[in-house]
Amino acid sequence: MFEKKILVTGAAGFIGANLVKKLLSTNSNYLIVGLDNLNDYYDTKIKNFRLSEIQSLDSKSSFKFIKSDLCDMQSLLKLFNEYNFDIVVNLAAQAGVRYSIENPDAYIQSNLIGFYNILEACRKYPVEHLVYASSSSVYGGSKKIPFSEDDKVDNPVSLYAATKKCDELLAHCYSKLYNIPTTGLRFFTVYGPAGRPDMAYFSFTNKLVKGEKIKIFNHGDCKRDFTYIDDIVDGIIKIMSKAPKKSDGEDGLPIPPYKIYNIGNNHPKNLIDFVHILGDNLKKFKVLPNNFDIDSHLEFVDMQPGDVPVTYADTSKLEKDFNYKPTTSLEDGLSKFAEWYYSFYIIKKGDK
C-alpha cells in the first residue's frame, strides 16, 4: 500500500511538523511515523498546535504519532522492528546555543545518546537513507565567509555546536563501518509561523508586545542567514529522495555513503535591518500599534557567550546537487509570521 515508510523524529518540532505537513500534502502514498517526546523546553501549546495542523491534513490516515524519547533504546528498536523504515529524518534534538550553557545534560542526552540510538537502529534495521539535523553553529567563530562545507569546524564555541559536530562524526563512522547512507544538514537560522519561541524573531516579538526592550548583541554588528521554513522543507524533501551512493574502494571496503550540506538562504541580513522589517510587519498585522517606536525599544549590548557575529551559508553544493534555491524573501517570511502571531496570540486562537 505504501511507497515509502518514513520516520520523522521531532515531529512536533518546528521543522519536523512542517516537513510532515508537506509530505502529507503530496499525492504520494507515504506512511509517516512521527516521534516526539513533547518536552517543555518551550510552550507545548505550539507543539500541540502543530500536531493539530498535521492531523487536519491527514485525510488518508498516513500519519501515526508516537510520544517517545530517543534515549529509550528499547522502544526505538521496537518501532524500527515494527515498521522497517525506508527513510529516517532525525530532527529531534535539544536546540539553542544559550540554553546549552545552563543545562548541558539535556544536550548530551538528546543530541548524543539519542542520535547514537538512531544510528544503532539504522544499523540493526537497515534503511535506504538517514537524513539528520546538524547546525550552522558548527562553524563557530570562523571569520571566513560564506561558510563552506569544506571549512575546518574543529573549534566550536558552544556545547550545542560541539554535539552537532559530534553527530556528523558519528554518522561518518556508521556510514563507513556499516554502509549506511547518511546526509547531514547544517541549518541556518530557520524562521516562520509557529516557530521556536527562543529564536530571535519570536522572542523579540514577545518582548515588544509587552513593551519591553530587546537586546541587540554585539552592538548591532551581527548578521544572520535567515531561511524561511518552506524553503528548508523543500530542500529536505529533495535530499530525502537521493541518498549518497554506495560504492567500494580499492581495498574492497565501503567508501562512506556520507554527505554534509549547508541549507540556508545565502543572503545574510544585518540584525538592525531585520528588526525594522519585523517591526513593520508586526504593525501591518496589528500585533503592535501603528505609532510604536521600535528604535526606543532597542538595547545595544556586548556579544554573549556561545554566540557568533555572522552566519552566512555557501549553498553552492546543495544548488549543484539538488537545484536548491530559496525563494522566500525576509519581508515575505516575516509577514507570514506576523499574520500567524496575530491569530495565535492576539485573538487567542492558540488558547482554543
C-alpha atoms as a PDB file:
ATOM      1  CA  MET A   1       0.000   0.000   0.000  1.00  0.00           C
ATOM      2  CA  PHE A   2       2.740   2.455   0.916  1.00  0.00           C
ATOM      3  CA  GLU A   3       5.548   3.500  -1.407  1.00  0.00           C
ATOM      4  CA  LYS A   4       7.786   4.585   1.452  1.00  0.00           C
ATOM      5  CA  LYS A   5       7.734   4.257   5.216  1.00  0.00           C
ATOM      6  CA  ILE A   6       9.273   7.344   6.773  1.00  0.00           C
ATOM      7  CA  LEU A   7      10.232   8.083  10.366  1.00  0.00           C
ATOM      8  CA  VAL A   8      10.379  11.759  11.323  1.00  0.00           C
ATOM      9  CA  THR A   9      11.754  12.380  14.805  1.00  0.00           C
ATOM     10  CA  GLY A  10      10.968  15.725  16.403  1.00  0.00           C
ATOM     11  CA  ALA A  11       7.648  15.582  14.550  1.00  0.00           C
ATOM     12  CA  ALA A  12       6.025  18.170  16.827  1.00  0.00           C
ATOM     13  CA  GLY A  13       9.011  20.470  16.411  1.00  0.00           C
ATOM     14  CA  PHE A  14       9.160  23.400  14.043  1.00  0.00           C
ATOM     15  CA  ILE A  15      10.977  21.802  11.111  1.00  0.00           C
ATOM     16  CA  GLY A  16       9.632  18.299  11.738  1.00  0.00           C
ATOM     17  CA  ALA A  17       5.967  19.318  11.766  1.00  0.00           C
ATOM     18  CA  ASN A  18       6.311  21.371   8.604  1.00  0.00           C
ATOM     19  CA  LEU A  19       8.088  18.504   6.882  1.00  0.00           C
ATOM     20  CA  VAL A  20       5.283  16.095   7.791  1.00  0.00           C
ATOM     21  CA  LYS A  21       2.658  18.571   6.572  1.00  0.00           C
ATOM     22  CA  LYS A  22       4.395  18.949   3.231  1.00  0.00           C
ATOM     23  CA  LEU A  23       4.770  15.175   2.813  1.00  0.00           C
ATOM     24  CA  LEU A  24       1.080  14.694   3.566  1.00  0.00           C
ATOM     25  CA  SER A  25       0.138  17.332   1.001  1.00  0.00           C
ATOM     26  CA  THR A  26       1.782  15.372  -1.827  1.00  0.00           C
ATOM     27  CA  ASN A  27      -0.018  12.663  -3.748  1.00  0.00           C
ATOM     28  CA  SER A  28       2.487  10.013  -2.708  1.00  0.00           C
ATOM     29  CA  ASN A  29       1.470   7.045  -0.595  1.00  0.00           C
ATOM     30  CA  TYR A  30       3.756   7.625   2.350  1.00  0.00           C
ATOM     31  CA  LEU A  31       3.345   6.090   5.758  1.00  0.00           C
ATOM     32  CA  ILE A  32       4.809   8.671   8.117  1.00  0.00           C
ATOM     33  CA  VAL A  33       5.562   7.845  11.734  1.00  0.00           C
ATOM     34  CA  GLY A  34       6.196  10.923  13.842  1.00  0.00           C
ATOM     35  CA  LEU A  35       8.086  10.617  17.112  1.00  0.00           C
ATOM     36  CA  ASP A  36       8.421  13.359  19.722  1.00  0.00           C
ATOM     37  CA  ASN A  37       8.796  13.476  23.500  1.00  0.00           C
ATOM     38  CA  LEU A  38       6.816  16.758  23.701  1.00  0.00           C
ATOM     39  CA  ASN A  39       9.157  18.208  26.312  1.00  0.00           C
ATOM     40  CA  ASP A  40       8.517  21.622  27.836  1.00  0.00           C
ATOM     41  CA  TYR A  41      11.679  23.388  26.635  1.00  0.00           C
ATOM     42  CA  TYR A  42       9.190  25.876  25.208  1.00  0.00           C
ATOM     43  CA  ASP A  43       5.402  26.324  25.258  1.00  0.00           C
ATOM     44  CA  THR A  44       3.803  22.964  24.466  1.00  0.00           C
ATOM     45  CA  LYS A  45       0.707  24.765  23.140  1.00  0.00           C
ATOM     46  CA  ILE A  46       2.702  25.486  19.995  1.00  0.00           C
ATOM     47  CA  LYS A  47       3.709  21.820  19.666  1.00  0.00           C
ATOM     48  CA  ASN A  48       0.098  20.729  20.077  1.00  0.00           C
ATOM     49  CA  PHE A  49      -0.971  23.354  17.536  1.00  0.00           C
ATOM     50  CA  ARG A  50       1.491  21.920  15.009  1.00  0.00           C
ATOM     51  CA  LEU A  51       0.214  18.397  15.630  1.00  0.00           C
ATOM     52  CA  SER A  52      -3.392  19.544  15.170  1.00  0.00           C
ATOM     53  CA  GLU A  53      -2.453  21.061  11.817  1.00  0.00           C
ATOM     54  CA  ILE A  54      -0.895  17.752  10.773  1.00  0.00           C
ATOM     55  CA  GLN A  55      -3.993  15.824  11.805  1.00  0.00           C
ATOM     56  CA  SER A  56      -6.236  18.174   9.818  1.00  0.00           C
ATOM     57  CA  LEU A  57      -4.256  17.299   6.668  1.00  0.00           C
ATOM     58  CA  ASP A  58      -4.152  13.552   7.263  1.00  0.00           C
ATOM     59  CA  SER A  59      -7.122  12.533   5.095  1.00  0.00           C
ATOM     60  CA  LYS A  60      -5.635   9.122   4.212  1.00  0.00           C
ATOM     61  CA  SER A  61      -4.598   8.141   7.763  1.00  0.00           C
ATOM     62  CA  SER A  62      -0.998   8.219   6.605  1.00  0.00           C
ATOM     63  CA  PHE A  63       0.410   9.686   9.823  1.00  0.00           C
ATOM     64  CA  LYS A  64       0.951   7.937  13.128  1.00  0.00           C
ATOM     65  CA  PHE A  65       2.203   9.919  16.114  1.00  0.00           C
ATOM     66  CA  ILE A  66       4.133   8.284  18.921  1.00  0.00           C
ATOM     67  CA  LYS A  67       5.123  10.084  22.099  1.00  0.00           C
ATOM     68  CA  SER A  68       8.523   8.697  22.995  1.00  0.00           C
ATOM     69  CA  ASP A  69      12.118   9.710  23.669  1.00  0.00           C
ATOM     70  CA  LEU A  70      15.121   8.822  21.527  1.00  0.00           C
ATOM     71  CA  CYS A  71      17.006   7.945  24.683  1.00  0.00           C
ATOM     72  CA  ASP A  72      14.678   4.963  25.170  1.00  0.00           C
ATOM     73  CA  MET A  73      16.612   2.490  23.043  1.00  0.00           C
ATOM     74  CA  GLN A  74      14.269  -0.462  23.537  1.00  0.00           C
ATOM     75  CA  SER A  75      11.204   1.490  22.432  1.00  0.00           C
ATOM     76  CA  LEU A  76      13.100   2.814  19.427  1.00  0.00           C
ATOM     77  CA  LEU A  77      14.255  -0.640  18.328  1.00  0.00           C
ATOM     78  CA  LYS A  78      10.727  -1.967  18.744  1.00  0.00           C
ATOM     79  CA  LEU A  79       9.488   0.818  16.477  1.00  0.00           C
ATOM     80  CA  PHE A  80      12.078   0.028  13.798  1.00  0.00           C
ATOM     81  CA  ASN A  81      11.268  -3.659  14.019  1.00  0.00           C
ATOM     82  CA  GLU A  82       7.560  -2.963  13.562  1.00  0.00           C
ATOM     83  CA  TYR A  83       7.800  -0.608  10.600  1.00  0.00           C
ATOM     84  CA  ASN A  84      11.100  -1.382   8.790  1.00  0.00           C
ATOM     85  CA  PHE A  85      11.515   2.242   7.724  1.00  0.00           C
ATOM     86  CA  ASP A  86      12.845   3.157   4.299  1.00  0.00           C
ATOM     87  CA  ILE A  87      13.858   6.694   5.247  1.00  0.00           C
ATOM     88  CA  VAL A  88      14.638   8.239   8.627  1.00  0.00           C
ATOM     89  CA  VAL A  89      14.725  12.008   9.132  1.00  0.00           C
ATOM     90  CA  ASN A  90      16.187  12.748  12.555  1.00  0.00           C
ATOM     91  CA  LEU A  91      15.180  16.270  13.570  1.00  0.00           C
ATOM     92  CA  ALA A  92      14.742  15.572  17.283  1.00  0.00           C
ATOM     93  CA  ALA A  93      17.363  17.457  19.282  1.00  0.00           C
ATOM     94  CA  GLN A  94      17.855  19.821  22.146  1.00  0.00           C
ATOM     95  CA  ALA A  95      18.244  23.096  20.318  1.00  0.00           C
ATOM     96  CA  GLY A  96      19.523  26.506  21.335  1.00  0.00           C
ATOM     97  CA  VAL A  97      23.003  27.866  21.935  1.00  0.00           C
ATOM     98  CA  ARG A  98      22.252  29.796  25.130  1.00  0.00           C
ATOM     99  CA  TYR A  99      20.362  27.013  26.898  1.00  0.00           C
ATOM    100  CA  SER A 100      23.349  24.689  26.435  1.00  0.00           C
ATOM    101  CA  ILE A 101      25.259  26.873  28.886  1.00  0.00           C
ATOM    102  CA  GLU A 102      22.542  26.488  31.523  1.00  0.00           C
ATOM    103  CA  ASN A 103      21.579  22.844  31.019  1.00  0.00           C
ATOM    104  CA  PRO A 104      24.349  20.861  29.284  1.00  0.00           C
ATOM    105  CA  ASP A 105      22.932  17.486  30.317  1.00  0.00           C
ATOM    106  CA  ALA A 106      19.899  17.943  28.043  1.00  0.00           C
ATOM    107  CA  TYR A 107      22.237  18.226  25.045  1.00  0.00           C
ATOM    108  CA  ILE A 108      24.268  15.156  25.921  1.00  0.00           C
ATOM    109  CA  GLN A 109      21.118  13.076  26.374  1.00  0.00           C
ATOM    110  CA  SER A 110      19.219  14.192  23.284  1.00  0.00           C
ATOM    111  CA  ASN A 111      21.909  15.140  20.785  1.00  0.00           C
ATOM    112  CA  LEU A 112      24.487  12.464  21.567  1.00  0.00           C
ATOM    113  CA  ILE A 113      22.794   9.475  23.200  1.00  0.00           C
ATOM    114  CA  GLY A 114      19.593   9.982  21.227  1.00  0.00           C
ATOM    115  CA  PHE A 115      21.458  10.246  17.929  1.00  0.00           C
ATOM    116  CA  TYR A 116      23.610   7.220  18.763  1.00  0.00           C
ATOM    117  CA  ASN A 117      20.400   5.252  19.339  1.00  0.00           C
ATOM    118  CA  ILE A 118      19.098   6.319  15.920  1.00  0.00           C
ATOM    119  CA  LEU A 119      22.329   5.165  14.272  1.00  0.00           C
ATOM    120  CA  GLU A 120      22.168   1.827  16.062  1.00  0.00           C
ATOM    121  CA  ALA A 121      18.561   1.334  14.994  1.00  0.00           C
ATOM    122  CA  CYS A 122      19.517   2.113  11.384  1.00  0.00           C
ATOM    123  CA  ARG A 123      22.325  -0.435  11.656  1.00  0.00           C
ATOM    124  CA  LYS A 124      20.137  -3.207  13.048  1.00  0.00           C
ATOM    125  CA  TYR A 125      17.213  -2.423  10.735  1.00  0.00           C
ATOM    126  CA  PRO A 126      18.910  -1.089   7.574  1.00  0.00           C
ATOM    127  CA  VAL A 127      17.380   1.978   5.925  1.00  0.00           C
ATOM    128  CA  GLU A 128      17.768   3.476   2.472  1.00  0.00           C
ATOM    129  CA  HIS A 129      18.719   6.882   3.831  1.00  0.00           C
ATOM    130  CA  LEU A 130      19.251   8.626   7.156  1.00  0.00           C
ATOM    131  CA  VAL A 131      18.881  12.410   6.967  1.00  0.00           C
ATOM    132  CA  TYR A 132      19.731  14.275  10.161  1.00  0.00           C
ATOM    133  CA  ALA A 133      19.888  17.797  11.522  1.00  0.00           C
ATOM    134  CA  SER A 134      23.232  19.420  12.086  1.00  0.00           C
ATOM    135  CA  SER A 135      23.628  23.182  12.519  1.00  0.00           C
ATOM    136  CA  SER A 136      25.427  26.243  11.216  1.00  0.00           C
ATOM    137  CA  SER A 137      26.715  26.562  14.787  1.00  0.00           C
ATOM    138  CA  VAL A 138      29.463  24.057  13.935  1.00  0.00           C
ATOM    139  CA  TYR A 139      31.296  26.872  12.133  1.00  0.00           C
ATOM    140  CA  GLY A 140      31.926  28.553  15.489  1.00  0.00           C
ATOM    141  CA  GLY A 141      33.585  31.942  15.302  1.00  0.00           C
ATOM    142  CA  SER A 142      35.019  31.404  11.822  1.00  0.00           C
ATOM    143  CA  LYS A 143      35.840  34.678  10.109  1.00  0.00           C
ATOM    144  CA  LYS A 144      35.894  33.060   6.663  1.00  0.00           C
ATOM    145  CA  ILE A 145      32.573  33.771   4.980  1.00  0.00           C
ATOM    146  CA  PRO A 146      30.479  32.443   3.454  1.00  0.00           C
ATOM    147  CA  PHE A 147      30.717  29.206   5.424  1.00  0.00           C
ATOM    148  CA  SER A 148      31.566  26.220   3.241  1.00  0.00           C
ATOM    149  CA  GLU A 149      31.174  22.509   3.974  1.00  0.00           C
ATOM    150  CA  ASP A 150      34.907  22.203   3.215  1.00  0.00           C
ATOM    151  CA  ASP A 151      35.858  24.539   6.076  1.00  0.00           C
ATOM    152  CA  LYS A 152      37.544  23.183   9.173  1.00  0.00           C
ATOM    153  CA  VAL A 153      34.979  23.045  12.000  1.00  0.00           C
ATOM    154  CA  ASP A 154      37.018  21.791  14.952  1.00  0.00           C
ATOM    155  CA  ASN A 155      36.629  24.786  17.244  1.00  0.00           C
ATOM    156  CA  PRO A 156      33.023  25.009  18.499  1.00  0.00           C
ATOM    157  CA  VAL A 157      32.133  27.914  20.767  1.00  0.00           C
ATOM    158  CA  SER A 158      29.108  26.272  22.420  1.00  0.00           C
ATOM    159  CA  LEU A 159      28.226  22.821  23.711  1.00  0.00           C
ATOM    160  CA  TYR A 160      25.302  22.753  21.286  1.00  0.00           C
ATOM    161  CA  ALA A 161      27.715  23.183  18.372  1.00  0.00           C
ATOM    162  CA  ALA A 162      30.027  20.524  19.800  1.00  0.00           C
ATOM    163  CA  THR A 163      27.202  17.973  19.956  1.00  0.00           C
ATOM    164  CA  LYS A 164      26.221  18.692  16.362  1.00  0.00           C
ATOM    165  CA  LYS A 165      29.800  18.280  15.148  1.00  0.00           C
ATOM    166  CA  CYS A 166      29.958  15.030  17.098  1.00  0.00           C
ATOM    167  CA  ASP A 167      26.782  13.840  15.338  1.00  0.00           C
ATOM    168  CA  GLU A 168      28.454  14.420  11.983  1.00  0.00           C
ATOM    169  CA  LEU A 169      31.471  12.361  13.089  1.00  0.00           C
ATOM    170  CA  LEU A 170      29.281   9.545  14.392  1.00  0.00           C
ATOM    171  CA  ALA A 171      27.322   9.490  11.142  1.00  0.00           C
ATOM    172  CA  HIS A 172      30.542   9.279   9.136  1.00  0.00           C
ATOM    173  CA  CYS A 173      31.726   6.371  11.278  1.00  0.00           C
ATOM    174  CA  TYR A 174      28.474   4.431  10.807  1.00  0.00           C
ATOM    175  CA  SER A 175      28.460   5.189   7.077  1.00  0.00           C
ATOM    176  CA  LYS A 176      31.985   3.791   6.790  1.00  0.00           C
ATOM    177  CA  LEU A 177      31.578   0.737   9.040  1.00  0.00           C
ATOM    178  CA  TYR A 178      28.040  -0.306   8.149  1.00  0.00           C
ATOM    179  CA  ASN A 179      27.498   1.281   4.711  1.00  0.00           C
ATOM    180  CA  ILE A 180      24.541   3.361   5.954  1.00  0.00           C
ATOM    181  CA  PRO A 181      23.760   6.277   3.587  1.00  0.00           C
ATOM    182  CA  THR A 182      23.656   9.434   5.727  1.00  0.00           C
ATOM    183  CA  THR A 183      23.167  13.111   4.920  1.00  0.00           C
ATOM    184  CA  GLY A 184      23.692  15.846   7.496  1.00  0.00           C
ATOM    185  CA  LEU A 185      22.060  19.255   7.088  1.00  0.00           C
ATOM    186  CA  ARG A 186      23.613  22.374   8.579  1.00  0.00           C
ATOM    187  CA  PHE A 187      20.572  24.590   9.080  1.00  0.00           C
ATOM    188  CA  PHE A 188      20.952  28.372   9.031  1.00  0.00           C
ATOM    189  CA  THR A 189      18.538  30.375  11.261  1.00  0.00           C
ATOM    190  CA  VAL A 190      15.212  28.841  10.309  1.00  0.00           C
ATOM    191  CA  TYR A 191      12.128  31.020  10.911  1.00  0.00           C
ATOM    192  CA  GLY A 192       8.430  31.223  10.135  1.00  0.00           C
ATOM    193  CA  PRO A 193       4.921  30.806  11.593  1.00  0.00           C
ATOM    194  CA  ALA A 194       4.628  28.633  14.712  1.00  0.00           C
ATOM    195  CA  GLY A 195       8.394  28.573  15.079  1.00  0.00           C
ATOM    196  CA  ARG A 196      10.512  28.205  18.183  1.00  0.00           C
ATOM    197  CA  PRO A 197       9.837  30.929  20.773  1.00  0.00           C
ATOM    198  CA  ASP A 198      13.521  31.049  21.766  1.00  0.00           C
ATOM    199  CA  MET A 199      14.538  32.228  18.283  1.00  0.00           C
ATOM    200  CA  ALA A 200      15.280  35.940  17.937  1.00  0.00           C
ATOM    201  CA  TYR A 201      12.352  36.947  15.707  1.00  0.00           C
ATOM    202  CA  PHE A 202       9.882  35.231  18.060  1.00  0.00           C
ATOM    203  CA  SER A 203      11.385  36.342  21.375  1.00  0.00           C
ATOM    204  CA  PHE A 204      11.786  39.894  20.054  1.00  0.00           C
ATOM    205  CA  THR A 205       8.091  39.937  19.173  1.00  0.00           C
ATOM    206  CA  ASN A 206       7.082  38.680  22.620  1.00  0.00           C
ATOM    207  CA  LYS A 207       9.126  41.401  24.299  1.00  0.00           C
ATOM    208  CA  LEU A 208       7.906  44.196  22.053  1.00  0.00           C
ATOM    209  CA  VAL A 209       4.274  43.194  22.646  1.00  0.00           C
ATOM    210  CA  LYS A 210       4.946  43.567  26.377  1.00  0.00           C
ATOM    211  CA  GLY A 211       6.617  46.940  25.832  1.00  0.00           C
ATOM    212  CA  GLU A 212       9.999  45.583  26.915  1.00  0.00           C
ATOM    213  CA  LYS A 213      13.354  46.368  25.362  1.00  0.00           C
ATOM    214  CA  ILE A 214      15.111  43.837  23.164  1.00  0.00           C
ATOM    215  CA  LYS A 215      18.848  43.250  23.387  1.00  0.00           C
ATOM    216  CA  ILE A 216      20.840  43.769  20.215  1.00  0.00           C
ATOM    217  CA  PHE A 217      24.032  41.817  20.703  1.00  0.00           C
ATOM    218  CA  ASN A 218      27.478  42.888  19.555  1.00  0.00           C
ATOM    219  CA  HIS A 219      26.049  46.429  19.448  1.00  0.00           C
ATOM    220  CA  GLY A 220      24.197  45.635  16.241  1.00  0.00           C
ATOM    221  CA  ASP A 221      27.186  44.265  14.353  1.00  0.00           C
ATOM    222  CA  CYS A 222      25.525  40.913  13.687  1.00  0.00           C
ATOM    223  CA  LYS A 223      24.312  39.227  10.524  1.00  0.00           C
ATOM    224  CA  ARG A 224      22.171  36.140  10.176  1.00  0.00           C
ATOM    225  CA  ASP A 225      21.340  33.982   7.171  1.00  0.00           C
ATOM    226  CA  PHE A 226      17.586  33.809   7.832  1.00  0.00           C
ATOM    227  CA  THR A 227      15.950  30.893   5.991  1.00  0.00           C
ATOM    228  CA  TYR A 228      12.178  30.554   5.700  1.00  0.00           C
ATOM    229  CA  ILE A 229      10.706  27.248   6.830  1.00  0.00           C
ATOM    230  CA  ASP A 230       9.073  26.372   3.477  1.00  0.00           C
ATOM    231  CA  ASP A 231      12.425  26.719   1.716  1.00  0.00           C
ATOM    232  CA  ILE A 232      14.043  24.460   4.319  1.00  0.00           C
ATOM    233  CA  VAL A 233      11.352  21.793   3.927  1.00  0.00           C
ATOM    234  CA  ASP A 234      11.592  21.856   0.136  1.00  0.00           C
ATOM    235  CA  GLY A 235      15.317  21.230   0.460  1.00  0.00           C
ATOM    236  CA  ILE A 236      14.874  18.352   2.912  1.00  0.00           C
ATOM    237  CA  ILE A 237      12.374  16.581   0.656  1.00  0.00           C
ATOM    238  CA  LYS A 238      14.708  16.837  -2.327  1.00  0.00           C
ATOM    239  CA  ILE A 239      17.560  15.414  -0.255  1.00  0.00           C
ATOM    240  CA  MET A 240      15.470  12.582   1.209  1.00  0.00           C
ATOM    241  CA  SER A 241      14.844  11.125  -2.228  1.00  0.00           C
ATOM    242  CA  LYS A 242      18.516  10.940  -3.218  1.00  0.00           C
ATOM    243  CA  ALA A 243      20.732   9.021  -0.816  1.00  0.00           C
ATOM    244  CA  PRO A 244      24.520   9.098  -1.208  1.00  0.00           C
ATOM    245  CA  LYS A 245      25.574   6.218  -3.452  1.00  0.00           C
ATOM    246  CA  LYS A 246      27.134   3.093  -2.016  1.00  0.00           C
ATOM    247  CA  SER A 247      30.448   2.013  -3.506  1.00  0.00           C
ATOM    248  CA  ASP A 248      33.598   0.148  -2.525  1.00  0.00           C
ATOM    249  CA  GLY A 249      37.140   1.433  -2.521  1.00  0.00           C
ATOM    250  CA  GLU A 250      40.264  -0.259  -3.848  1.00  0.00           C
ATOM    251  CA  ASP A 251      40.584  -2.085  -0.537  1.00  0.00           C
ATOM    252  CA  GLY A 252      37.175  -3.677  -1.028  1.00  0.00           C
ATOM    253  CA  LEU A 253      35.723  -1.773   1.926  1.00  0.00           C
ATOM    254  CA  PRO A 254      32.831   0.722   1.650  1.00  0.00           C
ATOM    255  CA  ILE A 255      33.539   4.299   0.682  1.00  0.00           C
ATOM    256  CA  PRO A 256      31.318   6.068   3.220  1.00  0.00           C
ATOM    257  CA  PRO A 257      27.976   6.996   1.586  1.00  0.00           C
ATOM    258  CA  TYR A 258      28.078  10.246   3.526  1.00  0.00           C
ATOM    259  CA  LYS A 259      27.197  13.849   2.679  1.00  0.00           C
ATOM    260  CA  ILE A 260      27.031  17.180   4.519  1.00  0.00           C
ATOM    261  CA  TYR A 261      25.176  20.197   3.129  1.00  0.00           C
ATOM    262  CA  ASN A 262      24.621  23.767   4.197  1.00  0.00           C
ATOM    263  CA  ILE A 263      20.952  24.620   3.880  1.00  0.00           C
ATOM    264  CA  GLY A 264      20.407  28.355   4.139  1.00  0.00           C
ATOM    265  CA  ASN A 265      19.371  31.442   2.255  1.00  0.00           C
ATOM    266  CA  ASN A 266      22.817  32.616   1.110  1.00  0.00           C
ATOM    267  CA  HIS A 267      21.714  36.234   1.821  1.00  0.00           C
ATOM    268  CA  PRO A 268      22.629  37.321   5.375  1.00  0.00           C
ATOM    269  CA  LYS A 269      20.797  40.302   6.830  1.00  0.00           C
ATOM    270  CA  ASN A 270      22.050  42.830   9.337  1.00  0.00           C
ATOM    271  CA  LEU A 271      20.275  42.406  12.659  1.00  0.00           C
ATOM    272  CA  ILE A 272      19.149  46.055  12.779  1.00  0.00           C
ATOM    273  CA  ASP A 273      17.584  45.819   9.319  1.00  0.00           C
ATOM    274  CA  PHE A 274      15.921  42.578  10.361  1.00  0.00           C
ATOM    275  CA  VAL A 275      14.390  44.204  13.462  1.00  0.00           C
ATOM    276  CA  HIS A 276      12.910  47.039  11.410  1.00  0.00           C
ATOM    277  CA  ILE A 277      11.427  44.642   8.832  1.00  0.00           C
ATOM    278  CA  LEU A 278       9.958  42.616  11.693  1.00  0.00           C
ATOM    279  CA  GLY A 279       8.554  45.757  13.328  1.00  0.00           C
ATOM    280  CA  ASP A 280       6.925  46.952  10.118  1.00  0.00           C
ATOM    281  CA  ASN A 281       5.157  43.626   9.685  1.00  0.00           C
ATOM    282  CA  LEU A 282       4.046  43.483  13.319  1.00  0.00           C
ATOM    283  CA  LYS A 283       2.411  46.871  12.798  1.00  0.00           C
ATOM    284  CA  LYS A 284       0.893  45.779   9.493  1.00  0.00           C
ATOM    285  CA  PHE A 285      -0.902  42.876  11.163  1.00  0.00           C
ATOM    286  CA  LYS A 286      -1.871  44.844  14.284  1.00  0.00           C
ATOM    287  CA  VAL A 287       0.398  42.939  16.633  1.00  0.00           C
ATOM    288  CA  LEU A 288       1.862  46.348  17.514  1.00  0.00           C
ATOM    289  CA  PRO A 289       0.160  49.755  17.242  1.00  0.00           C
ATOM    290  CA  ASN A 290       0.988  51.836  14.180  1.00  0.00           C
ATOM    291  CA  ASN A 291       2.730  54.500  16.265  1.00  0.00           C
ATOM    292  CA  PHE A 292       5.012  52.003  18.038  1.00  0.00           C
ATOM    293  CA  ASP A 293       8.611  53.296  18.136  1.00  0.00           C
ATOM    294  CA  ILE A 294      10.907  50.323  17.522  1.00  0.00           C
ATOM    295  CA  ASP A 295      14.162  52.246  17.971  1.00  0.00           C
ATOM    296  CA  SER A 296      13.304  53.313  21.510  1.00  0.00           C
ATOM    297  CA  HIS A 297      12.955  49.635  22.454  1.00  0.00           C
ATOM    298  CA  LEU A 298      16.444  48.590  21.356  1.00  0.00           C
ATOM    299  CA  GLU A 299      19.224  47.990  23.888  1.00  0.00           C
ATOM    300  CA  PHE A 300      22.700  47.560  22.404  1.00  0.00           C
ATOM    301  CA  VAL A 301      24.872  45.142  24.371  1.00  0.00           C
ATOM    302  CA  ASP A 302      28.064  43.077  24.061  1.00  0.00           C
ATOM    303  CA  MET A 303      28.184  39.691  22.376  1.00  0.00           C
ATOM    304  CA  GLN A 304      27.055  36.876  24.645  1.00  0.00           C
ATOM    305  CA  PRO A 305      28.976  33.638  25.304  1.00  0.00           C
ATOM    306  CA  GLY A 306      28.493  30.933  22.682  1.00  0.00           C
ATOM    307  CA  ASP A 307      27.097  33.275  20.042  1.00  0.00           C
ATOM    308  CA  VAL A 308      28.731  34.303  16.761  1.00  0.00           C
ATOM    309  CA  PRO A 309      28.635  37.629  14.888  1.00  0.00           C
ATOM    310  CA  VAL A 310      27.831  36.264  11.420  1.00  0.00           C
ATOM    311  CA  THR A 311      26.180  33.232   9.835  1.00  0.00           C
ATOM    312  CA  TYR A 312      26.394  33.007   6.072  1.00  0.00           C
ATOM    313  CA  ALA A 313      25.769  29.829   4.074  1.00  0.00           C
ATOM    314  CA  ASP A 314      27.605  28.859   0.928  1.00  0.00           C
ATOM    315  CA  THR A 315      24.866  26.707  -0.609  1.00  0.00           C
ATOM    316  CA  SER A 316      26.578  26.030  -3.935  1.00  0.00           C
ATOM    317  CA  LYS A 317      26.882  22.272  -3.281  1.00  0.00           C
ATOM    318  CA  LEU A 318      23.195  21.930  -2.490  1.00  0.00           C
ATOM    319  CA  GLU A 319      22.307  24.028  -5.519  1.00  0.00           C
ATOM    320  CA  LYS A 320      24.511  21.901  -7.769  1.00  0.00           C
ATOM    321  CA  ASP A 321      23.332  18.508  -6.474  1.00  0.00           C
ATOM    322  CA  PHE A 322      19.636  19.279  -5.938  1.00  0.00           C
ATOM    323  CA  ASN A 323      18.913  22.533  -7.777  1.00  0.00           C
ATOM    324  CA  TYR A 324      18.126  24.087  -4.400  1.00  0.00           C
ATOM    325  CA  LYS A 325      17.356  27.796  -4.390  1.00  0.00           C
ATOM    326  CA  PRO A 326      15.346  29.513  -1.627  1.00  0.00           C
ATOM    327  CA  THR A 327      12.592  31.759  -2.964  1.00  0.00           C
ATOM    328  CA  THR A 328      11.131  33.472   0.133  1.00  0.00           C
ATOM    329  CA  SER A 329      12.321  36.983   0.937  1.00  0.00           C
ATOM    330  CA  LEU A 330      12.763  38.049   4.557  1.00  0.00           C
ATOM    331  CA  GLU A 331       9.953  40.571   4.071  1.00  0.00           C
ATOM    332  CA  ASP A 332       7.506  37.891   2.917  1.00  0.00           C
ATOM    333  CA  GLY A 333       8.604  35.395   5.544  1.00  0.00           C
ATOM    334  CA  LEU A 334       8.242  37.810   8.451  1.00  0.00           C
ATOM    335  CA  SER A 335       4.891  38.941   7.060  1.00  0.00           C
ATOM    336  CA  LYS A 336       3.624  35.355   7.297  1.00  0.00           C
ATOM    337  CA  PHE A 337       4.995  35.042  10.815  1.00  0.00           C
ATOM    338  CA  ALA A 338       3.335  38.289  11.956  1.00  0.00           C
ATOM    339  CA  GLU A 339       0.000  37.188  10.487  1.00  0.00           C
ATOM    340  CA  TRP A 340       0.237  33.858  12.337  1.00  0.00           C
ATOM    341  CA  TYR A 341       1.303  35.528  15.588  1.00  0.00           C
ATOM    342  CA  TYR A 342      -1.748  37.812  15.480  1.00  0.00           C
ATOM    343  CA  SER A 343      -4.125  34.885  15.025  1.00  0.00           C
ATOM    344  CA  PHE A 344      -2.438  32.682  17.650  1.00  0.00           C
ATOM    345  CA  TYR A 345      -1.744  35.176  20.405  1.00  0.00           C
ATOM    346  CA  ILE A 346      -3.625  38.418  19.844  1.00  0.00           C
ATOM    347  CA  ILE A 347      -7.024  36.929  19.038  1.00  0.00           C
ATOM    348  CA  LYS A 348      -6.137  33.881  21.199  1.00  0.00           C
ATOM    349  CA  LYS A 349      -6.501  31.183  18.595  1.00  0.00           C
ATOM    350  CA  GLY A 350      -3.786  29.338  20.472  1.00  0.00           C
ATOM    351  CA  ASP A 351      -5.963  29.083  23.570  1.00  0.00           C
ATOM    352  CA  LYS A 352      -8.796  27.310  21.790  1.00  0.00           C
END
